[in-house]
Amino acid sequence: MKYKVHHFEINMAQDQGRLEHFLNSLKGEVVSIVPNVAKTTLFQIYGITRKVNFLLIIEKTN
């Protein structure tokens, strides 16, 4: 068993179709999707809002 980790830049409000296309194009099995939550504004630092700027997608390959 081997694993690949893909770094996927995303704008959560606009990239749903692009993410769906990317996931469907993978040859292996998706094991996990890990969002990276960025804290860049004062509201995000205090936990009022959150922004996901990229996803780590772990794929199990043969």
PDB file of N, CA and C in Angstrom:
ATOM      1  N   MET A   1       0.831  -1.184   0.000  1.00  0.00           N
ATOM      2  CA  MET A   1       0.000   0.000   0.000  1.00  0.00           C
ATOM      3  C   MET A   1       0.877   1.250   0.000  1.00  0.00           C
ATOM      4  N   LYS A   2       0.545   2.174  -0.870  1.00  0.00           N
ATOM      5  CA  LYS A   2       1.230   3.460  -0.900  1.00  0.00           C
ATOM      6  C   LYS A   2       0.183   4.558  -0.818  1.00  0.00           C
ATOM      7  N   TYR A   3       0.613   5.685  -0.317  1.00  0.00           N
ATOM      8  CA  TYR A   3      -0.285   6.826  -0.164  1.00  0.00           C
ATOM      9  C   TYR A   3       0.299   8.034  -0.881  1.00  0.00           C
ATOM     10  N   LYS A   4      -0.574   8.852  -1.435  1.00  0.00           N
ATOM     11  CA  LYS A   4      -0.194  10.129  -2.030  1.00  0.00           C
ATOM     12  C   LYS A   4      -0.958  11.215  -1.300  1.00  0.00           C
ATOM     13  N   VAL A   5      -0.291  12.326  -1.060  1.00  0.00           N
ATOM     14  CA  VAL A   5      -0.942  13.475  -0.433  1.00  0.00           C
ATOM     15  C   VAL A   5      -0.988  14.585  -1.469  1.00  0.00           C
ATOM     16  N   HIS A   6      -2.197  15.061  -1.755  1.00  0.00           N
ATOM     17  CA  HIS A   6      -2.407  16.128  -2.726  1.00  0.00           C
ATOM     18  C   HIS A   6      -2.731  17.417  -1.983  1.00  0.00           C
ATOM     19  N   HIS A   7      -2.145  18.503  -2.432  1.00  0.00           N
ATOM     20  CA  HIS A   7      -2.410  19.842  -1.889  1.00  0.00           C
ATOM     21  C   HIS A   7      -3.368  20.518  -2.853  1.00  0.00           C
ATOM     22  N   PHE A   8      -4.574  20.890  -2.390  1.00  0.00           N
ATOM     23  CA  PHE A   8      -5.616  21.433  -3.256  1.00  0.00           C
ATOM     24  C   PHE A   8      -6.021  22.807  -2.753  1.00  0.00           C
ATOM     25  N   GLU A   9      -5.593  23.860  -3.472  1.00  0.00           N
ATOM     26  CA  GLU A   9      -5.987  25.235  -3.135  1.00  0.00           C
ATOM     27  C   GLU A   9      -7.477  25.391  -3.406  1.00  0.00           C
ATOM     28  N   ILE A  10      -8.197  26.045  -2.493  1.00  0.00           N
ATOM     29  CA  ILE A  10      -9.644  26.112  -2.644  1.00  0.00           C
ATOM     30  C   ILE A  10     -10.201  27.424  -2.119  1.00  0.00           C
ATOM     31  N   ASN A  11     -11.234  27.891  -2.801  1.00  0.00           N
ATOM     32  CA  ASN A  11     -12.091  28.960  -2.314  1.00  0.00           C
ATOM     33  C   ASN A  11     -13.436  28.277  -2.083  1.00  0.00           C
ATOM     34  N   MET A  12     -13.802  28.077  -0.833  1.00  0.00           N
ATOM     35  CA  MET A  12     -14.957  27.237  -0.498  1.00  0.00           C
ATOM     36  C   MET A  12     -16.257  27.729  -1.129  1.00  0.00           C
ATOM     37  N   ALA A  13     -16.373  29.009  -1.405  1.00  0.00           N
ATOM     38  CA  ALA A  13     -17.611  29.544  -1.972  1.00  0.00           C
ATOM     39  C   ALA A  13     -17.734  29.281  -3.469  1.00  0.00           C
ATOM     40  N   GLN A  14     -16.613  29.019  -4.157  1.00  0.00           N
ATOM     41  CA  GLN A  14     -16.655  28.945  -5.608  1.00  0.00           C
ATOM     42  C   GLN A  14     -16.158  27.632  -6.205  1.00  0.00           C
ATOM     43  N   ASP A  15     -15.398  26.828  -5.503  1.00  0.00           N
ATOM     44  CA  ASP A  15     -14.680  25.710  -6.112  1.00  0.00           C
ATOM     45  C   ASP A  15     -15.297  24.340  -5.881  1.00  0.00           C
ATOM     46  N   GLN A  16     -16.573  24.254  -5.602  1.00  0.00           N
ATOM     47  CA  GLN A  16     -17.201  22.953  -5.375  1.00  0.00           C
ATOM     48  C   GLN A  16     -17.094  22.065  -6.618  1.00  0.00           C
ATOM     49  N   GLY A  17     -17.356  22.602  -7.780  1.00  0.00           N
ATOM     50  CA  GLY A  17     -17.282  21.831  -9.017  1.00  0.00           C
ATOM     51  C   GLY A  17     -15.871  21.375  -9.331  1.00  0.00           C
ATOM     52  N   ARG A  18     -14.894  22.249  -9.104  1.00  0.00           N
ATOM     53  CA  ARG A  18     -13.491  21.903  -9.351  1.00  0.00           C
ATOM     54  C   ARG A  18     -13.034  20.793  -8.407  1.00  0.00           C
ATOM     55  N   LEU A  19     -13.449  20.859  -7.134  1.00  0.00           N
ATOM     56  CA  LEU A  19     -13.112  19.821  -6.167  1.00  0.00           C
ATOM     57  C   LEU A  19     -13.757  18.499  -6.561  1.00  0.00           C
ATOM     58  N   GLU A  20     -15.015  18.532  -6.967  1.00  0.00           N
ATOM     59  CA  GLU A  20     -15.713  17.316  -7.384  1.00  0.00           C
ATOM     60  C   GLU A  20     -15.005  16.677  -8.574  1.00  0.00           C
ATOM     61  N   HIS A  21     -14.603  17.481  -9.548  1.00  0.00           N
ATOM     62  CA  HIS A  21     -13.887  16.967 -10.716  1.00  0.00           C
ATOM     63  C   HIS A  21     -12.550  16.346 -10.301  1.00  0.00           C
ATOM     64  N   PHE A  22     -11.826  17.017  -9.412  1.00  0.00           N
ATOM     65  CA  PHE A  22     -10.539  16.500  -8.952  1.00  0.00           C
ATOM     66  C   PHE A  22     -10.702  15.156  -8.241  1.00  0.00           C
ATOM     67  N   LEU A  23     -11.678  15.055  -7.352  1.00  0.00           N
ATOM     68  CA  LEU A  23     -11.893  13.810  -6.607  1.00  0.00           C
ATOM     69  C   LEU A  23     -12.296  12.674  -7.532  1.00  0.00           C
ATOM     70  N   ASN A  24     -13.129  12.957  -8.518  1.00  0.00           N
ATOM     71  CA  ASN A  24     -13.552  11.922  -9.460  1.00  0.00           C
ATOM     72  C   ASN A  24     -12.430  11.495 -10.401  1.00  0.00           C
ATOM     73  N   SER A  25     -11.411  12.323 -10.570  1.00  0.00           N
ATOM     74  CA  SER A  25     -10.309  11.972 -11.466  1.00  0.00           C
ATOM     75  C   SER A  25      -9.216  11.159 -10.775  1.00  0.00           C
ATOM     76  N   LEU A  26      -9.274  11.015  -9.471  1.00  0.00           N
ATOM     77  CA  LEU A  26      -8.266  10.232  -8.757  1.00  0.00           C
ATOM     78  C   LEU A  26      -8.406   8.754  -9.080  1.00  0.00           C
ATOM     79  N   LYS A  27      -7.281   8.075  -9.214  1.00  0.00           N
ATOM     80  CA  LYS A  27      -7.279   6.645  -9.554  1.00  0.00           C
ATOM     81  C   LYS A  27      -7.465   5.766  -8.317  1.00  0.00           C
ATOM     82  N   GLY A  28      -6.948   6.195  -7.175  1.00  0.00           N
ATOM     83  CA  GLY A  28      -7.014   5.394  -5.959  1.00  0.00           C
ATOM     84  C   GLY A  28      -8.219   5.741  -5.106  1.00  0.00           C
ATOM     85  N   GLU A  29      -8.149   5.289  -3.861  1.00  0.00           N
ATOM     86  CA  GLU A  29      -9.234   5.509  -2.894  1.00  0.00           C
ATOM     87  C   GLU A  29      -8.888   6.694  -2.003  1.00  0.00           C
ATOM     88  N   VAL A  30      -9.837   7.608  -1.819  1.00  0.00           N
ATOM     89  CA  VAL A  30      -9.622   8.756  -0.932  1.00  0.00           C
ATOM     90  C   VAL A  30      -9.767   8.270   0.509  1.00  0.00           C
ATOM     91  N   VAL A  31      -8.693   8.439   1.275  1.00  0.00           N
ATOM     92  CA  VAL A  31      -8.676   7.988   2.660  1.00  0.00           C
ATOM     93  C   VAL A  31      -9.158   9.095   3.589  1.00  0.00           C
ATOM     94  N   SER A  32      -8.710  10.328   3.317  1.00  0.00           N
ATOM     95  CA  SER A  32      -9.046  11.428   4.210  1.00  0.00           C
ATOM     96  C   SER A  32      -8.913  12.754   3.475  1.00  0.00           C
ATOM     97  N   ILE A  33      -9.690  13.729   3.919  1.00  0.00           N
ATOM     98  CA  ILE A  33      -9.566  15.109   3.447  1.00  0.00           C
ATOM     99  C   ILE A  33      -9.397  15.981   4.686  1.00  0.00           C
ATOM    100  N   VAL A  34      -8.267  16.687   4.740  1.00  0.00           N
ATOM    101  CA  VAL A  34      -7.929  17.493   5.907  1.00  0.00           C
ATOM    102  C   VAL A  34      -7.935  18.963   5.507  1.00  0.00           C
ATOM    103  N   PRO A  35      -8.853  19.760   6.048  1.00  0.00           N
ATOM    104  CA  PRO A  35      -8.863  21.188   5.716  1.00  0.00           C
ATOM    105  C   PRO A  35      -7.830  21.959   6.533  1.00  0.00           C
ATOM    106  N   ASN A  36      -7.223  22.961   5.922  1.00  0.00           N
ATOM    107  CA  ASN A  36      -6.341  23.867   6.640  1.00  0.00           C
ATOM    108  C   ASN A  36      -7.132  25.143   6.909  1.00  0.00           C
ATOM    109  N   VAL A  37      -7.326  25.448   8.167  1.00  0.00           N
ATOM    110  CA  VAL A  37      -8.102  26.629   8.549  1.00  0.00           C
ATOM    111  C   VAL A  37      -7.137  27.778   8.798  1.00  0.00           C
ATOM    112  N   ALA A  38      -7.248  28.817   7.964  1.00  0.00           N
ATOM    113  CA  ALA A  38      -6.380  29.990   8.085  1.00  0.00           C
ATOM    114  C   ALA A  38      -7.020  31.006   9.019  1.00  0.00           C
ATOM    115  N   LYS A  39      -6.195  31.633   9.804  1.00  0.00           N
ATOM    116  CA  LYS A  39      -6.665  32.703  10.691  1.00  0.00           C
ATOM    117  C   LYS A  39      -5.906  33.962  10.307  1.00  0.00           C
ATOM    118  N   THR A  40      -6.511  34.732   9.407  1.00  0.00           N
ATOM    119  CA  THR A  40      -5.816  35.903   8.882  1.00  0.00           C
ATOM    120  C   THR A  40      -6.435  37.233   9.313  1.00  0.00           C
ATOM    121  N   THR A  41      -7.704  37.242   9.671  1.00  0.00           N
ATOM    122  CA  THR A  41      -8.329  38.488  10.107  1.00  0.00           C
ATOM    123  C   THR A  41      -8.592  38.424  11.611  1.00  0.00           C
ATOM    124  N   LEU A  42      -8.919  39.532  12.178  1.00  0.00           N
ATOM    125  CA  LEU A  42      -9.191  39.594  13.619  1.00  0.00           C
ATOM    126  C   LEU A  42     -10.370  38.712  14.005  1.00  0.00           C
ATOM    127  N   PHE A  43     -11.428  38.688  13.169  1.00  0.00           N
ATOM    128  CA  PHE A  43     -12.585  37.834  13.445  1.00  0.00           C
ATOM    129  C   PHE A  43     -12.185  36.359  13.428  1.00  0.00           C
ATOM    130  N   GLN A  44     -11.303  35.974  12.499  1.00  0.00           N
ATOM    131  CA  GLN A  44     -10.874  34.583  12.413  1.00  0.00           C
ATOM    132  C   GLN A  44      -9.963  34.216  13.586  1.00  0.00           C
ATOM    133  N   ILE A  45      -9.140  35.122  14.027  1.00  0.00           N
ATOM    134  CA  ILE A  45      -8.249  34.854  15.165  1.00  0.00           C
ATOM    135  C   ILE A  45      -9.065  34.592  16.424  1.00  0.00           C
ATOM    136  N   TYR A  46     -10.149  35.347  16.622  1.00  0.00           N
ATOM    137  CA  TYR A  46     -10.994  35.158  17.801  1.00  0.00           C
ATOM    138  C   TYR A  46     -12.035  34.071  17.626  1.00  0.00           C
ATOM    139  N   GLY A  47     -12.050  33.397  16.469  1.00  0.00           N
ATOM    140  CA  GLY A  47     -12.931  32.252  16.276  1.00  0.00           C
ATOM    141  C   GLY A  47     -14.346  32.577  15.855  1.00  0.00           C
ATOM    142  N   ILE A  48     -14.609  33.806  15.464  1.00  0.00           N
ATOM    143  CA  ILE A  48     -15.955  34.182  15.044  1.00  0.00           C
ATOM    144  C   ILE A  48     -16.239  33.627  13.648  1.00  0.00           C
ATOM    145  N   THR A  49     -15.267  33.734  12.752  1.00  0.00           N
ATOM    146  CA  THR A  49     -15.389  33.178  11.400  1.00  0.00           C
ATOM    147  C   THR A  49     -14.166  32.321  11.105  1.00  0.00           C
ATOM    148  N   ARG A  50     -14.281  31.509  10.073  1.00  0.00           N
ATOM    149  CA  ARG A  50     -13.165  30.659   9.670  1.00  0.00           C
ATOM    150  C   ARG A  50     -13.032  30.684   8.155  1.00  0.00           C
ATOM    151  N   LYS A  51     -11.808  30.432   7.681  1.00  0.00           N
ATOM    152  CA  LYS A  51     -11.564  30.374   6.244  1.00  0.00           C
ATOM    153  C   LYS A  51     -10.685  29.169   5.961  1.00  0.00           C
ATOM    154  N   VAL A  52     -11.141  28.297   5.080  1.00  0.00           N
ATOM    155  CA  VAL A  52     -10.340  27.155   4.629  1.00  0.00           C
ATOM    156  C   VAL A  52      -9.634  27.598   3.356  1.00  0.00           C
ATOM    157  N   ASN A  53      -8.291  27.595   3.366  1.00  0.00           N
ATOM    158  CA  ASN A  53      -7.568  28.051   2.184  1.00  0.00           C
ATOM    159  C   ASN A  53      -7.021  26.908   1.335  1.00  0.00           C
ATOM    160  N   PHE A  54      -6.826  25.717   1.924  1.00  0.00           N
ATOM    161  CA  PHE A  54      -6.466  24.570   1.114  1.00  0.00           C
ATOM    162  C   PHE A  54      -6.851  23.283   1.815  1.00  0.00           C
ATOM    163  N   LEU A  55      -6.906  22.213   1.029  1.00  0.00           N
ATOM    164  CA  LEU A  55      -7.216  20.882   1.544  1.00  0.00           C
ATOM    165  C   LEU A  55      -6.035  19.969   1.290  1.00  0.00           C
ATOM    166  N   LEU A  56      -5.750  19.092   2.229  1.00  0.00           N
ATOM    167  CA  LEU A  56      -4.833  17.985   1.990  1.00  0.00           C
ATOM    168  C   LEU A  56      -5.699  16.758   1.741  1.00  0.00           C
ATOM    169  N   ILE A  57      -5.532  16.131   0.595  1.00  0.00           N
ATOM    170  CA  ILE A  57      -6.316  14.973   0.222  1.00  0.00           C
ATOM    171  C   ILE A  57      -5.392  13.777   0.184  1.00  0.00           C
ATOM    172  N   ILE A  58      -5.650  12.782   1.037  1.00  0.00           N
ATOM    173  CA  ILE A  58      -4.827  11.593   1.126  1.00  0.00           C
ATOM    174  C   ILE A  58      -5.478  10.489   0.306  1.00  0.00           C
ATOM    175  N   GLU A  59      -4.693   9.959  -0.636  1.00  0.00           N
ATOM    176  CA  GLU A  59      -5.191   8.934  -1.568  1.00  0.00           C
ATOM    177  C   GLU A  59      -4.378   7.654  -1.383  1.00  0.00           C
ATOM    178  N   LYS A  60      -5.061   6.524  -1.278  1.00  0.00           N
ATOM    179  CA  LYS A  60      -4.397   5.218  -1.202  1.00  0.00           C
ATOM    180  C   LYS A  60      -4.275   4.689  -2.621  1.00  0.00           C
ATOM    181  N   THR A  61      -3.052   4.362  -3.035  1.00  0.00           N
ATOM    182  CA  THR A  61      -2.805   3.859  -4.380  1.00  0.00           C
ATOM    183  C   THR A  61      -2.300   2.429  -4.327  1.00  0.00           C
ATOM    184  N   ASN A  62      -2.299   1.786  -5.463  1.00  0.00           N
ATOM    185  CA  ASN A  62      -1.792   0.389  -5.547  1.00  0.00           C
ATOM    186  C   ASN A  62      -0.317   0.376  -5.835  1.00  0.00           C
TER     187      ASN A  62
END
